[in-house]
Amino acid sequence: MENVETVTLWRPTGPAELALVEESGWRAWPPRLPDQPIFYPVLNEEYATMIARDWNVPASGVGYVTRFEVRRSYLDRYEVRQAGGRTILEYWIPAEDLDEFNANIIGPITVVSEFR
């Protein structure tokens, strides 16, 4: 693993998006769909778990929580957004920045939990 400072991020995801991550060799998030102008990785596992369990499961029958590392020097250009309560924290990465975001992922994207 590179010796760079990273930030651990999580992302709740459903089966379709996860299949595309797997196709990338667990190295990249797929391009956003036309109705998804922003990619939202979150800053804590609890928030990702809540979304995977409460939103992804009803929508698609299964929800996954993933974890991955991103170079801090890259993330520093984005502001952390509070999307609700004190621990509801996420980055808002514009869809057009996703290729560069993916290039700054260090190591694999891993599934840390699954809900059905």
Protein backbone atom coordinates (compact mmCIF):
# COMPACT_ATOMS: atom_id res chain seq x y z
CA MET A 1 0.00 0.00 0.00
CA GLU A 2 1.21 3.48 -0.84
CA ASN A 3 2.55 5.56 1.99
CA VAL A 4 0.06 8.43 1.62
CA GLU A 5 -2.40 9.91 4.05
CA THR A 6 -5.91 8.63 3.34
CA VAL A 7 -9.46 9.17 4.56
CA THR A 8 -11.66 6.14 5.18
CA LEU A 9 -15.03 6.48 3.49
CA TRP A 10 -18.11 4.26 3.34
CA ARG A 11 -20.82 3.94 0.74
CA PRO A 12 -24.17 2.20 1.05
CA THR A 13 -25.05 0.49 -2.20
CA GLY A 14 -27.50 -1.85 -3.81
CA PRO A 15 -26.81 -4.95 -5.90
CA ALA A 16 -26.67 -3.24 -9.32
CA GLU A 17 -24.02 -0.69 -8.30
CA LEU A 18 -22.07 -3.31 -6.37
CA ALA A 19 -21.94 -5.56 -9.46
CA LEU A 20 -20.33 -2.70 -11.40
CA VAL A 21 -17.80 -2.13 -8.60
CA GLU A 22 -16.95 -5.85 -8.75
CA GLU A 23 -16.52 -5.59 -12.55
CA SER A 24 -13.93 -2.84 -11.94
CA GLY A 25 -11.89 -5.28 -9.85
CA TRP A 26 -13.12 -3.54 -6.67
CA ARG A 27 -11.20 -0.39 -7.69
CA ALA A 28 -13.78 2.13 -8.93
CA TRP A 29 -17.31 3.45 -8.62
CA PRO A 30 -19.40 3.38 -11.81
CA PRO A 31 -20.37 6.56 -13.67
CA ARG A 32 -23.42 8.30 -12.32
CA LEU A 33 -26.73 7.92 -14.13
CA PRO A 34 -28.25 11.04 -15.75
CA ASP A 35 -30.48 11.60 -12.69
CA GLN A 36 -27.48 11.27 -10.31
CA PRO A 37 -25.41 14.46 -10.65
CA ILE A 38 -23.51 13.84 -7.39
CA PHE A 39 -21.67 10.87 -5.85
CA TYR A 40 -22.16 10.73 -2.06
CA PRO A 41 -19.55 8.81 -0.08
CA VAL A 42 -20.16 9.07 3.67
CA LEU A 43 -17.80 9.59 6.61
CA ASN A 44 -18.99 6.94 9.03
CA GLU A 45 -20.11 3.35 8.97
CA GLU A 46 -23.22 3.95 11.10
CA TYR A 47 -24.69 6.39 8.56
CA ALA A 48 -23.87 4.02 5.67
CA THR A 49 -25.48 1.14 7.58
CA MET A 50 -28.66 3.14 8.16
CA ILE A 51 -28.98 3.91 4.43
CA ALA A 52 -28.15 0.34 3.31
CA ARG A 53 -30.63 -1.17 5.77
CA ASP A 54 -33.45 1.41 5.59
CA TRP A 55 -33.28 2.48 1.91
CA ASN A 56 -31.42 -0.13 -0.18
CA VAL A 57 -33.19 -3.19 1.30
CA PRO A 58 -36.74 -1.89 0.62
CA ALA A 59 -35.66 -0.66 -2.85
CA SER A 60 -33.83 -3.77 -4.06
CA GLY A 61 -34.06 -6.51 -1.44
CA VAL A 62 -30.45 -6.18 -0.32
CA GLY A 63 -28.17 -3.39 0.87
CA TYR A 64 -24.40 -3.41 1.24
CA VAL A 65 -22.01 -1.20 3.17
CA THR A 66 -18.65 -0.70 1.49
CA ARG A 67 -15.43 0.81 2.85
CA PHE A 68 -12.55 2.33 0.93
CA GLU A 69 -9.63 4.73 1.30
CA VAL A 70 -9.15 7.97 -0.66
CA ARG A 71 -6.09 10.25 -0.74
CA ARG A 72 -6.60 13.08 1.76
CA SER A 73 -4.79 15.53 -0.54
CA TYR A 74 -7.49 14.92 -3.18
CA LEU A 75 -10.46 15.07 -0.77
CA ASP A 76 -9.21 18.33 0.74
CA ARG A 77 -10.65 20.19 -2.29
CA TYR A 78 -14.18 19.15 -1.23
CA GLU A 79 -16.13 20.27 1.79
CA VAL A 80 -17.68 17.80 4.24
CA ARG A 81 -21.45 18.30 4.12
CA GLN A 82 -23.79 17.72 7.06
CA ALA A 83 -26.90 16.15 5.56
CA GLY A 84 -29.00 15.96 8.71
CA GLY A 85 -27.93 15.05 12.23
CA ARG A 86 -24.49 15.62 13.72
CA THR A 87 -23.15 12.31 12.39
CA ILE A 88 -24.84 12.50 8.96
CA LEU A 89 -21.69 13.57 7.11
CA GLU A 90 -20.84 13.08 3.45
CA TYR A 91 -18.82 14.42 0.57
CA TRP A 92 -20.61 15.68 -2.54
CA ILE A 93 -18.48 14.67 -5.52
CA PRO A 94 -19.85 16.02 -8.84
CA ALA A 95 -20.46 13.25 -11.38
CA GLU A 96 -17.92 14.80 -13.76
CA ASP A 97 -15.21 14.43 -11.05
CA LEU A 98 -15.83 10.71 -10.46
CA ASP A 99 -13.03 9.43 -12.74
CA GLU A 100 -10.51 11.56 -10.82
CA PHE A 101 -12.08 10.49 -7.51
CA ASN A 102 -11.68 6.83 -8.54
CA ALA A 103 -8.04 7.48 -9.49
CA ASN A 104 -7.47 8.63 -5.90
CA ILE A 105 -8.85 5.48 -4.26
CA ILE A 106 -6.02 3.63 -2.52
CA GLY A 107 -6.52 -0.13 -2.31
CA PRO A 108 -9.72 -2.08 -2.93
CA ILE A 109 -13.33 -1.20 -2.21
CA THR A 110 -14.48 -3.81 0.33
CA VAL A 111 -17.94 -4.95 1.45
CA VAL A 112 -18.12 -4.73 5.24
CA SER A 113 -21.78 -5.68 5.77
CA GLU A 114 -24.89 -6.91 4.00
CA PHE A 115 -28.57 -6.51 4.90
CA ARG A 116 -31.56 -8.38 3.48
